[in-house]
């Protein structure tokens, strides 16, 4: 058995579904299914019962779950202990990620890392851009995925994805406003923007609001500080019919029937994400991970 197979199985068993486990591990759902199927073939037993409502472990799966948790915990303790003696890798690569990210973005760099540095475990933390920058400064993150590139020479950065944002509206409003190429940004005038707190990513917030105002939109009161703009908040506000929210085309959150996503004509809003790491870092696993990102195309 491989440790990555055990981690995949534990994630599926704990999350109760393939899609949730794939998001937790930041890999594609087909790749996760193949990994779990390979583990079942390797052991010669059925580990999971799959149904329309999710998955649950079989009797053999319950046994493996307990043993796998213990083994993985012991392995992680060993890596942390050995990491103190080696500068090549740190045992744990602490990765900061924003709340929204293309589901397939992390697959290639994580797979490359697993092949080249199997001793490195990735610890992913969901944090805002501002919180990630603070954690980088404090030495609490090894790599961060930020909505804005930090200035100066303290950190190296690489652009990893460009996302053409579209708009979430109630289905009725979308049908009324949408043309053959999408919705014009200025057509959203009169609706309330479901925004995020400026403190979460000041430079990106300022860029975004400047474009919205240039198209005649009244942005209304700012979002409360410290309140993360999670998918459930967006959908609840938009479904009421008086608001709009921004989202990329391949948003991982399922949309209810009364909410619709539409492209914006001319793609005026492009969200960029950079991989950022300390310029002084000499860790091989950080270099391997970052090199796994492809040249970004607009998505």
C-alpha atoms as a PDB file:
ATOM      1  CA  UNK A   1       0.000   0.000   0.000  1.00  0.00           C
ATOM      2  CA  UNK A   2       1.108   3.560  -0.687  1.00  0.00           C
ATOM      3  CA  UNK A   3       0.579   6.371   1.784  1.00  0.00           C
ATOM      4  CA  UNK A   4      -1.203   8.493  -0.825  1.00  0.00           C
ATOM      5  CA  UNK A   5      -3.734   5.656  -1.275  1.00  0.00           C
ATOM      6  CA  UNK A   6      -4.352   5.518   2.457  1.00  0.00           C
ATOM      7  CA  UNK A   7      -4.778   9.301   2.653  1.00  0.00           C
ATOM      8  CA  UNK A   8      -7.245   9.166  -0.224  1.00  0.00           C
ATOM      9  CA  UNK A   9      -9.271   6.399   1.422  1.00  0.00           C
ATOM     10  CA  UNK A  10      -9.338   8.173   4.803  1.00  0.00           C
ATOM     11  CA  UNK A  11     -10.520  11.396   3.170  1.00  0.00           C
ATOM     12  CA  UNK A  12     -13.356   9.648   1.314  1.00  0.00           C
ATOM     13  CA  UNK A  13     -14.451   7.712   4.414  1.00  0.00           C
ATOM     14  CA  UNK A  14     -14.401  10.824   6.601  1.00  0.00           C
ATOM     15  CA  UNK A  15     -16.087  13.129   4.077  1.00  0.00           C
ATOM     16  CA  UNK A  16     -18.706  10.584   3.037  1.00  0.00           C
ATOM     17  CA  UNK A  17     -18.363  11.366  -0.655  1.00  0.00           C
ATOM     18  CA  UNK A  18     -15.907  11.531  -3.519  1.00  0.00           C
ATOM     19  CA  UNK A  19     -16.506  15.165  -4.469  1.00  0.00           C
ATOM     20  CA  UNK A  20     -16.012  16.493  -0.914  1.00  0.00           C
ATOM     21  CA  UNK A  21     -12.904  14.345  -0.454  1.00  0.00           C
ATOM     22  CA  UNK A  22     -11.487  15.549  -3.774  1.00  0.00           C
ATOM     23  CA  UNK A  23     -11.919  19.165  -2.667  1.00  0.00           C
ATOM     24  CA  UNK A  24     -10.243  18.386   0.639  1.00  0.00           C
ATOM     25  CA  UNK A  25      -7.250  16.768  -1.096  1.00  0.00           C
ATOM     26  CA  UNK A  26      -7.214  19.330  -3.930  1.00  0.00           C
ATOM     27  CA  UNK A  27      -7.215  16.702  -6.679  1.00  0.00           C
ATOM     28  CA  UNK A  28      -9.723  15.846  -9.378  1.00  0.00           C
ATOM     29  CA  UNK A  29     -12.575  13.445  -8.560  1.00  0.00           C
ATOM     30  CA  UNK A  30     -11.618  10.960 -11.323  1.00  0.00           C
ATOM     31  CA  UNK A  31      -8.046  10.817  -9.991  1.00  0.00           C
ATOM     32  CA  UNK A  32      -9.349  10.187  -6.478  1.00  0.00           C
ATOM     33  CA  UNK A  33     -11.692   7.416  -7.666  1.00  0.00           C
ATOM     34  CA  UNK A  34      -8.826   5.721  -9.509  1.00  0.00           C
ATOM     35  CA  UNK A  35      -6.656   5.848  -6.389  1.00  0.00           C
ATOM     36  CA  UNK A  36      -9.321   4.291  -4.170  1.00  0.00           C
ATOM     37  CA  UNK A  37     -10.132   1.639  -6.775  1.00  0.00           C
ATOM     38  CA  UNK A  38      -6.431   0.773  -7.009  1.00  0.00           C
ATOM     39  CA  UNK A  39      -6.281   0.356  -3.235  1.00  0.00           C
ATOM     40  CA  UNK A  40      -9.279  -1.996  -3.283  1.00  0.00           C
ATOM     41  CA  UNK A  41      -7.652  -4.065  -6.032  1.00  0.00           C
ATOM     42  CA  UNK A  42      -4.364  -4.140  -4.164  1.00  0.00           C
ATOM     43  CA  UNK A  43      -6.020  -5.420  -0.975  1.00  0.00           C
ATOM     44  CA  UNK A  44      -8.508  -7.660  -2.754  1.00  0.00           C
ATOM     45  CA  UNK A  45     -11.439  -6.417  -0.661  1.00  0.00           C
ATOM     46  CA  UNK A  46     -14.270  -3.946  -1.096  1.00  0.00           C
ATOM     47  CA  UNK A  47     -13.673  -0.949   1.159  1.00  0.00           C
ATOM     48  CA  UNK A  48     -16.525   1.386   0.278  1.00  0.00           C
ATOM     49  CA  UNK A  49     -20.203   1.049  -0.537  1.00  0.00           C
ATOM     50  CA  UNK A  50     -21.201   3.621  -3.137  1.00  0.00           C
ATOM     51  CA  UNK A  51     -24.763   4.917  -3.430  1.00  0.00           C
ATOM     52  CA  UNK A  52     -26.639   7.932  -4.757  1.00  0.00           C
ATOM     53  CA  UNK A  53     -26.284   9.633  -1.364  1.00  0.00           C
ATOM     54  CA  UNK A  54     -22.542   9.140  -0.990  1.00  0.00           C
ATOM     55  CA  UNK A  55     -20.180   6.449   0.210  1.00  0.00           C
ATOM     56  CA  UNK A  56     -19.739   4.554   3.464  1.00  0.00           C
ATOM     57  CA  UNK A  57     -17.059   2.082   4.577  1.00  0.00           C
ATOM     58  CA  UNK A  58     -17.682  -1.645   4.582  1.00  0.00           C
ATOM     59  CA  UNK A  59     -16.687  -3.763   7.586  1.00  0.00           C
ATOM     60  CA  UNK A  60     -13.234  -4.143   6.038  1.00  0.00           C
ATOM     61  CA  UNK A  61     -13.201  -0.402   5.359  1.00  0.00           C
ATOM     62  CA  UNK A  62     -13.940   0.419   9.002  1.00  0.00           C
ATOM     63  CA  UNK A  63     -11.008  -1.768  10.068  1.00  0.00           C
ATOM     64  CA  UNK A  64      -8.682  -0.166   7.540  1.00  0.00           C
ATOM     65  CA  UNK A  65      -9.831   3.335   8.528  1.00  0.00           C
ATOM     66  CA  UNK A  66      -8.685   2.908  12.117  1.00  0.00           C
ATOM     67  CA  UNK A  67      -5.350   1.373  11.126  1.00  0.00           C
ATOM     68  CA  UNK A  68      -4.740   3.949   8.391  1.00  0.00           C
ATOM     69  CA  UNK A  69      -5.362   6.878  10.730  1.00  0.00           C
ATOM     70  CA  UNK A  70      -2.864   5.493  13.229  1.00  0.00           C
ATOM     71  CA  UNK A  71      -0.273   4.779  10.531  1.00  0.00           C
ATOM     72  CA  UNK A  72      -0.580   8.200   8.916  1.00  0.00           C
ATOM     73  CA  UNK A  73      -0.335   9.965  12.271  1.00  0.00           C
ATOM     74  CA  UNK A  74       2.828   8.035  13.100  1.00  0.00           C
ATOM     75  CA  UNK A  75       4.282   8.768   9.641  1.00  0.00           C
ATOM     76  CA  UNK A  76       3.587  12.499  10.022  1.00  0.00           C
ATOM     77  CA  UNK A  77       5.246  12.577  13.453  1.00  0.00           C
ATOM     78  CA  UNK A  78       8.290  10.879  11.972  1.00  0.00           C
ATOM     79  CA  UNK A  79       8.524  13.431   9.134  1.00  0.00           C
ATOM     80  CA  UNK A  80       8.280  16.337  11.550  1.00  0.00           C
ATOM     81  CA  UNK A  81      11.018  14.844  13.711  1.00  0.00           C
ATOM     82  CA  UNK A  82      13.338  14.176  10.768  1.00  0.00           C
ATOM     83  CA  UNK A  83      12.609  17.553   9.197  1.00  0.00           C
ATOM     84  CA  UNK A  84      14.678  19.203  11.927  1.00  0.00           C
ATOM     85  CA  UNK A  85      17.799  17.494  10.587  1.00  0.00           C
ATOM     86  CA  UNK A  86      17.370  18.149   6.883  1.00  0.00           C
ATOM     87  CA  UNK A  87      17.293  21.391   4.935  1.00  0.00           C
ATOM     88  CA  UNK A  88      16.293  19.697   1.678  1.00  0.00           C
ATOM     89  CA  UNK A  89      12.650  19.237   2.614  1.00  0.00           C
ATOM     90  CA  UNK A  90      10.704  20.212   5.675  1.00  0.00           C
ATOM     91  CA  UNK A  91       8.600  17.074   6.088  1.00  0.00           C
ATOM     92  CA  UNK A  92       5.459  19.222   5.889  1.00  0.00           C
ATOM     93  CA  UNK A  93       4.812  21.790   3.150  1.00  0.00           C
ATOM     94  CA  UNK A  94       2.428  24.371   4.563  1.00  0.00           C
ATOM     95  CA  UNK A  95       0.264  25.691   1.731  1.00  0.00           C
ATOM     96  CA  UNK A  96      -2.140  28.605   1.951  1.00  0.00           C
ATOM     97  CA  UNK A  97      -5.093  28.600  -0.433  1.00  0.00           C
ATOM     98  CA  UNK A  98      -8.025  30.988  -0.948  1.00  0.00           C
ATOM     99  CA  UNK A  99     -11.639  29.944  -0.560  1.00  0.00           C
ATOM    100  CA  UNK A 100     -12.224  29.687  -4.324  1.00  0.00           C
ATOM    101  CA  UNK A 101      -9.762  27.956  -6.625  1.00  0.00           C
ATOM    102  CA  UNK A 102     -10.170  25.959  -9.867  1.00  0.00           C
ATOM    103  CA  UNK A 103     -10.642  22.332  -8.863  1.00  0.00           C
ATOM    104  CA  UNK A 104      -7.933  21.059 -11.214  1.00  0.00           C
ATOM    105  CA  UNK A 105      -5.289  23.701 -10.487  1.00  0.00           C
ATOM    106  CA  UNK A 106      -3.475  21.885  -7.680  1.00  0.00           C
ATOM    107  CA  UNK A 107      -3.605  18.419  -9.224  1.00  0.00           C
ATOM    108  CA  UNK A 108      -0.427  18.583 -11.386  1.00  0.00           C
ATOM    109  CA  UNK A 109       1.847  20.251  -8.781  1.00  0.00           C
ATOM    110  CA  UNK A 110       0.659  17.896  -6.040  1.00  0.00           C
ATOM    111  CA  UNK A 111       1.185  14.841  -8.238  1.00  0.00           C
ATOM    112  CA  UNK A 112       4.647  16.093  -9.233  1.00  0.00           C
ATOM    113  CA  UNK A 113       5.479  16.649  -5.563  1.00  0.00           C
ATOM    114  CA  UNK A 114       4.245  13.180  -4.572  1.00  0.00           C
ATOM    115  CA  UNK A 115       6.497  11.553  -7.180  1.00  0.00           C
ATOM    116  CA  UNK A 116       9.620  13.618  -6.543  1.00  0.00           C
ATOM    117  CA  UNK A 117       9.318  14.112  -2.773  1.00  0.00           C
ATOM    118  CA  UNK A 118       7.175  11.294  -1.337  1.00  0.00           C
ATOM    119  CA  UNK A 119       8.411  12.161   2.152  1.00  0.00           C
ATOM    120  CA  UNK A 120       6.733  15.599   2.032  1.00  0.00           C
ATOM    121  CA  UNK A 121       3.192  15.956   3.344  1.00  0.00           C
ATOM    122  CA  UNK A 122       1.085  18.935   2.266  1.00  0.00           C
ATOM    123  CA  UNK A 123      -0.836  20.781   4.959  1.00  0.00           C
ATOM    124  CA  UNK A 124      -3.410  23.035   3.260  1.00  0.00           C
ATOM    125  CA  UNK A 125      -4.890  26.011   5.092  1.00  0.00           C
ATOM    126  CA  UNK A 126      -7.833  28.061   3.764  1.00  0.00           C
ATOM    127  CA  UNK A 127      -6.904  31.703   4.378  1.00  0.00           C
ATOM    128  CA  UNK A 128      -7.550  35.098   2.832  1.00  0.00           C
ATOM    129  CA  UNK A 129      -4.777  36.814   0.893  1.00  0.00           C
ATOM    130  CA  UNK A 130      -4.056  39.179   3.790  1.00  0.00           C
ATOM    131  CA  UNK A 131      -3.914  36.309   6.293  1.00  0.00           C
ATOM    132  CA  UNK A 132      -1.615  34.332   4.007  1.00  0.00           C
ATOM    133  CA  UNK A 133       0.732  37.293   3.607  1.00  0.00           C
ATOM    134  CA  UNK A 134       0.922  37.670   7.372  1.00  0.00           C
ATOM    135  CA  UNK A 135       1.603  33.941   7.749  1.00  0.00           C
ATOM    136  CA  UNK A 136       4.367  34.113   5.122  1.00  0.00           C
ATOM    137  CA  UNK A 137       5.963  37.009   6.971  1.00  0.00           C
ATOM    138  CA  UNK A 138       5.818  35.050  10.225  1.00  0.00           C
ATOM    139  CA  UNK A 139       7.319  31.915   8.649  1.00  0.00           C
ATOM    140  CA  UNK A 140       4.082  29.978   9.161  1.00  0.00           C
ATOM    141  CA  UNK A 141       3.534  29.165   5.450  1.00  0.00           C
ATOM    142  CA  UNK A 142       5.944  27.757   2.878  1.00  0.00           C
ATOM    143  CA  UNK A 143       3.854  28.581  -0.220  1.00  0.00           C
ATOM    144  CA  UNK A 144       0.812  30.837  -0.546  1.00  0.00           C
ATOM    145  CA  UNK A 145      -1.741  31.285  -3.330  1.00  0.00           C
ATOM    146  CA  UNK A 146      -2.546  34.987  -3.343  1.00  0.00           C
ATOM    147  CA  UNK A 147      -4.951  37.227  -5.255  1.00  0.00           C
ATOM    148  CA  UNK A 148      -2.314  39.957  -5.383  1.00  0.00           C
ATOM    149  CA  UNK A 149       1.443  39.844  -5.871  1.00  0.00           C
ATOM    150  CA  UNK A 150       3.394  41.183  -2.880  1.00  0.00           C
ATOM    151  CA  UNK A 151       5.842  44.013  -3.620  1.00  0.00           C
ATOM    152  CA  UNK A 152       9.558  43.957  -2.882  1.00  0.00           C
ATOM    153  CA  UNK A 153      12.167  41.215  -3.092  1.00  0.00           C
ATOM    154  CA  UNK A 154      11.377  39.256   0.049  1.00  0.00           C
ATOM    155  CA  UNK A 155       9.174  36.815  -1.862  1.00  0.00           C
ATOM    156  CA  UNK A 156       9.281  35.158  -5.266  1.00  0.00           C
ATOM    157  CA  UNK A 157       6.010  34.826  -7.178  1.00  0.00           C
ATOM    158  CA  UNK A 158       4.599  33.103 -10.242  1.00  0.00           C
ATOM    159  CA  UNK A 159       1.227  33.681 -11.874  1.00  0.00           C
ATOM    160  CA  UNK A 160      -0.638  30.341 -11.867  1.00  0.00           C
ATOM    161  CA  UNK A 161      -4.177  31.106 -13.068  1.00  0.00           C
ATOM    162  CA  UNK A 162      -6.316  33.807 -14.655  1.00  0.00           C
ATOM    163  CA  UNK A 163     -10.071  33.477 -14.178  1.00  0.00           C
ATOM    164  CA  UNK A 164     -12.608  35.436 -16.211  1.00  0.00           C
ATOM    165  CA  UNK A 165     -15.283  36.183 -13.658  1.00  0.00           C
ATOM    166  CA  UNK A 166     -18.933  35.943 -14.546  1.00  0.00           C
ATOM    167  CA  UNK A 167     -22.028  36.891 -12.584  1.00  0.00           C
ATOM    168  CA  UNK A 168     -24.405  34.922 -10.380  1.00  0.00           C
ATOM    169  CA  UNK A 169     -28.014  36.123 -10.534  1.00  0.00           C
ATOM    170  CA  UNK A 170     -31.432  34.769  -9.794  1.00  0.00           C
ATOM    171  CA  UNK A 171     -32.541  32.696 -12.771  1.00  0.00           C
ATOM    172  CA  UNK A 172     -35.340  35.134 -13.636  1.00  0.00           C
ATOM    173  CA  UNK A 173     -33.017  38.153 -13.647  1.00  0.00           C
ATOM    174  CA  UNK A 174     -30.398  36.308 -15.700  1.00  0.00           C
ATOM    175  CA  UNK A 175     -32.980  35.388 -18.346  1.00  0.00           C
ATOM    176  CA  UNK A 176     -34.059  39.045 -18.556  1.00  0.00           C
ATOM    177  CA  UNK A 177     -30.552  40.556 -18.770  1.00  0.00           C
ATOM    178  CA  UNK A 178     -28.604  37.958 -20.737  1.00  0.00           C
ATOM    179  CA  UNK A 179     -27.875  38.501 -24.399  1.00  0.00           C
ATOM    180  CA  UNK A 180     -26.231  36.150 -26.916  1.00  0.00           C
ATOM    181  CA  UNK A 181     -22.725  36.893 -25.537  1.00  0.00           C
ATOM    182  CA  UNK A 182     -23.641  37.157 -21.867  1.00  0.00           C
ATOM    183  CA  UNK A 183     -24.529  40.079 -19.610  1.00  0.00           C
ATOM    184  CA  UNK A 184     -23.136  43.607 -19.872  1.00  0.00           C
ATOM    185  CA  UNK A 185     -21.622  44.711 -16.572  1.00  0.00           C
ATOM    186  CA  UNK A 186     -23.509  48.002 -16.601  1.00  0.00           C
ATOM    187  CA  UNK A 187     -26.801  46.057 -16.784  1.00  0.00           C
ATOM    188  CA  UNK A 188     -26.277  45.125 -13.130  1.00  0.00           C
ATOM    189  CA  UNK A 189     -26.869  48.740 -12.008  1.00  0.00           C
ATOM    190  CA  UNK A 190     -29.500  48.840  -9.282  1.00  0.00           C
ATOM    191  CA  UNK A 191     -28.513  45.480  -7.812  1.00  0.00           C
ATOM    192  CA  UNK A 192     -26.433  45.048  -4.668  1.00  0.00           C
ATOM    193  CA  UNK A 193     -22.991  43.493  -5.040  1.00  0.00           C
ATOM    194  CA  UNK A 194     -22.380  40.620  -2.599  1.00  0.00           C
ATOM    195  CA  UNK A 195     -18.824  41.664  -1.801  1.00  0.00           C
ATOM    196  CA  UNK A 196     -16.011  40.457   0.423  1.00  0.00           C
ATOM    197  CA  UNK A 197     -14.237  42.513   3.123  1.00  0.00           C
ATOM    198  CA  UNK A 198     -11.534  44.802   1.718  1.00  0.00           C
ATOM    199  CA  UNK A 199      -9.125  43.680   4.432  1.00  0.00           C
ATOM    200  CA  UNK A 200      -9.118  40.163   2.953  1.00  0.00           C
ATOM    201  CA  UNK A 201      -7.292  41.327  -0.202  1.00  0.00           C
ATOM    202  CA  UNK A 202      -6.940  45.122  -0.419  1.00  0.00           C
ATOM    203  CA  UNK A 203      -5.264  45.442  -3.841  1.00  0.00           C
ATOM    204  CA  UNK A 204      -7.673  43.016  -5.548  1.00  0.00           C
ATOM    205  CA  UNK A 205     -10.678  44.649  -3.834  1.00  0.00           C
ATOM    206  CA  UNK A 206      -9.596  48.100  -5.027  1.00  0.00           C
ATOM    207  CA  UNK A 207      -9.048  46.870  -8.599  1.00  0.00           C
ATOM    208  CA  UNK A 208     -12.424  45.157  -8.619  1.00  0.00           C
ATOM    209  CA  UNK A 209     -14.407  48.062  -7.181  1.00  0.00           C
ATOM    210  CA  UNK A 210     -12.752  50.539  -9.560  1.00  0.00           C
ATOM    211  CA  UNK A 211     -13.932  48.508 -12.560  1.00  0.00           C
ATOM    212  CA  UNK A 212     -17.429  48.077 -11.155  1.00  0.00           C
ATOM    213  CA  UNK A 213     -17.764  51.823 -10.459  1.00  0.00           C
ATOM    214  CA  UNK A 214     -16.449  52.662 -13.928  1.00  0.00           C
ATOM    215  CA  UNK A 215     -19.464  50.769 -15.323  1.00  0.00           C
ATOM    216  CA  UNK A 216     -21.915  52.795 -13.241  1.00  0.00           C
ATOM    217  CA  UNK A 217     -22.542  50.328 -10.420  1.00  0.00           C
ATOM    218  CA  UNK A 218     -23.405  51.592  -6.933  1.00  0.00           C
ATOM    219  CA  UNK A 219     -21.573  49.193  -4.617  1.00  0.00           C
ATOM    220  CA  UNK A 220     -23.476  50.040  -1.459  1.00  0.00           C
ATOM    221  CA  UNK A 221     -22.108  49.490   2.070  1.00  0.00           C
ATOM    222  CA  UNK A 222     -18.911  47.438   2.401  1.00  0.00           C
ATOM    223  CA  UNK A 223     -18.998  43.865   3.658  1.00  0.00           C
ATOM    224  CA  UNK A 224     -18.415  43.484   7.407  1.00  0.00           C
ATOM    225  CA  UNK A 225     -14.760  42.996   8.276  1.00  0.00           C
ATOM    226  CA  UNK A 226     -13.829  39.480   9.290  1.00  0.00           C
ATOM    227  CA  UNK A 227     -16.773  37.904   7.445  1.00  0.00           C
ATOM    228  CA  UNK A 228     -15.596  35.413   4.815  1.00  0.00           C
ATOM    229  CA  UNK A 229     -17.607  35.359   1.602  1.00  0.00           C
ATOM    230  CA  UNK A 230     -18.381  31.643   1.426  1.00  0.00           C
ATOM    231  CA  UNK A 231     -20.418  30.017  -1.333  1.00  0.00           C
ATOM    232  CA  UNK A 232     -23.519  29.599   0.819  1.00  0.00           C
ATOM    233  CA  UNK A 233     -23.598  33.350   1.547  1.00  0.00           C
ATOM    234  CA  UNK A 234     -23.333  34.196  -2.158  1.00  0.00           C
ATOM    235  CA  UNK A 235     -26.098  31.829  -3.182  1.00  0.00           C
ATOM    236  CA  UNK A 236     -28.484  32.840  -0.412  1.00  0.00           C
ATOM    237  CA  UNK A 237     -28.120  36.541  -1.193  1.00  0.00           C
ATOM    238  CA  UNK A 238     -28.427  36.109  -4.956  1.00  0.00           C
ATOM    239  CA  UNK A 239     -31.464  33.831  -4.794  1.00  0.00           C
ATOM    240  CA  UNK A 240     -33.422  36.593  -3.038  1.00  0.00           C
ATOM    241  CA  UNK A 241     -33.403  38.501  -6.332  1.00  0.00           C
ATOM    242  CA  UNK A 242     -31.918  41.888  -5.360  1.00  0.00           C
ATOM    243  CA  UNK A 243     -28.208  41.097  -5.533  1.00  0.00           C
ATOM    244  CA  UNK A 244     -25.462  39.802  -7.775  1.00  0.00           C
ATOM    245  CA  UNK A 245     -22.250  37.970  -6.998  1.00  0.00           C
ATOM    246  CA  UNK A 246     -19.111  37.263  -8.998  1.00  0.00           C
ATOM    247  CA  UNK A 247     -17.816  33.777  -9.690  1.00  0.00           C
ATOM    248  CA  UNK A 248     -15.563  31.978 -12.200  1.00  0.00           C
ATOM    249  CA  UNK A 249     -17.112  29.763 -14.915  1.00  0.00           C
ATOM    250  CA  UNK A 250     -15.991  26.467 -13.399  1.00  0.00           C
ATOM    251  CA  UNK A 251     -17.219  27.160  -9.887  1.00  0.00           C
ATOM    252  CA  UNK A 252     -17.063  24.029  -7.755  1.00  0.00           C
ATOM    253  CA  UNK A 253     -20.255  24.813  -5.810  1.00  0.00           C
ATOM    254  CA  UNK A 254     -23.463  23.320  -7.299  1.00  0.00           C
ATOM    255  CA  UNK A 255     -26.010  25.989  -8.211  1.00  0.00           C
ATOM    256  CA  UNK A 256     -29.640  25.720  -7.079  1.00  0.00           C
ATOM    257  CA  UNK A 257     -32.326  25.854  -9.764  1.00  0.00           C
ATOM    258  CA  UNK A 258     -33.224  29.476  -8.968  1.00  0.00           C
ATOM    259  CA  UNK A 259     -29.639  30.764  -9.451  1.00  0.00           C
ATOM    260  CA  UNK A 260     -27.843  31.119 -12.787  1.00  0.00           C
ATOM    261  CA  UNK A 261     -24.252  31.896 -13.810  1.00  0.00           C
ATOM    262  CA  UNK A 262     -23.624  34.029 -16.912  1.00  0.00           C
ATOM    263  CA  UNK A 263     -20.449  35.345 -18.575  1.00  0.00           C
ATOM    264  CA  UNK A 264     -19.802  39.078 -18.656  1.00  0.00           C
ATOM    265  CA  UNK A 265     -19.580  40.601 -22.124  1.00  0.00           C
ATOM    266  CA  UNK A 266     -15.968  41.496 -22.938  1.00  0.00           C
ATOM    267  CA  UNK A 267     -14.611  39.753 -19.812  1.00  0.00           C
ATOM    268  CA  UNK A 268     -13.963  43.000 -17.888  1.00  0.00           C
ATOM    269  CA  UNK A 269     -13.125  41.209 -14.616  1.00  0.00           C
ATOM    270  CA  UNK A 270     -10.123  38.872 -14.534  1.00  0.00           C
ATOM    271  CA  UNK A 271      -9.047  37.387 -11.210  1.00  0.00           C
ATOM    272  CA  UNK A 272      -5.378  36.437 -10.968  1.00  0.00           C
ATOM    273  CA  UNK A 273      -3.770  34.075  -8.483  1.00  0.00           C
ATOM    274  CA  UNK A 274      -0.042  33.907  -7.785  1.00  0.00           C
ATOM    275  CA  UNK A 275       2.007  31.204  -6.086  1.00  0.00           C
ATOM    276  CA  UNK A 276       4.254  33.043  -3.618  1.00  0.00           C
ATOM    277  CA  UNK A 277       7.123  31.710  -1.514  1.00  0.00           C
ATOM    278  CA  UNK A 278      10.101  33.159   0.423  1.00  0.00           C
ATOM    279  CA  UNK A 279      12.887  34.198  -1.960  1.00  0.00           C
ATOM    280  CA  UNK A 280      15.446  32.801   0.484  1.00  0.00           C
ATOM    281  CA  UNK A 281      13.869  29.331   0.516  1.00  0.00           C
ATOM    282  CA  UNK A 282      16.193  26.522  -0.564  1.00  0.00           C
ATOM    283  CA  UNK A 283      13.734  23.696  -0.010  1.00  0.00           C
ATOM    284  CA  UNK A 284      13.650  21.227  -2.863  1.00  0.00           C
ATOM    285  CA  UNK A 285      10.031  20.249  -2.262  1.00  0.00           C
ATOM    286  CA  UNK A 286       8.909  23.894  -2.566  1.00  0.00           C
ATOM    287  CA  UNK A 287      10.699  24.164  -5.904  1.00  0.00           C
ATOM    288  CA  UNK A 288       9.200  20.905  -7.152  1.00  0.00           C
ATOM    289  CA  UNK A 289       5.701  21.941  -6.119  1.00  0.00           C
ATOM    290  CA  UNK A 290       5.848  25.394  -7.707  1.00  0.00           C
ATOM    291  CA  UNK A 291       7.347  24.046 -10.940  1.00  0.00           C
ATOM    292  CA  UNK A 292       4.296  21.811 -11.331  1.00  0.00           C
ATOM    293  CA  UNK A 293       2.035  24.729 -12.277  1.00  0.00           C
ATOM    294  CA  UNK A 294       1.434  25.143 -15.997  1.00  0.00           C
ATOM    295  CA  UNK A 295       1.630  28.424 -17.916  1.00  0.00           C
ATOM    296  CA  UNK A 296      -1.747  30.017 -17.130  1.00  0.00           C
ATOM    297  CA  UNK A 297      -4.414  30.582 -19.740  1.00  0.00           C
ATOM    298  CA  UNK A 298      -7.516  32.621 -19.012  1.00  0.00           C
ATOM    299  CA  UNK A 299     -10.322  30.348 -17.787  1.00  0.00           C
END
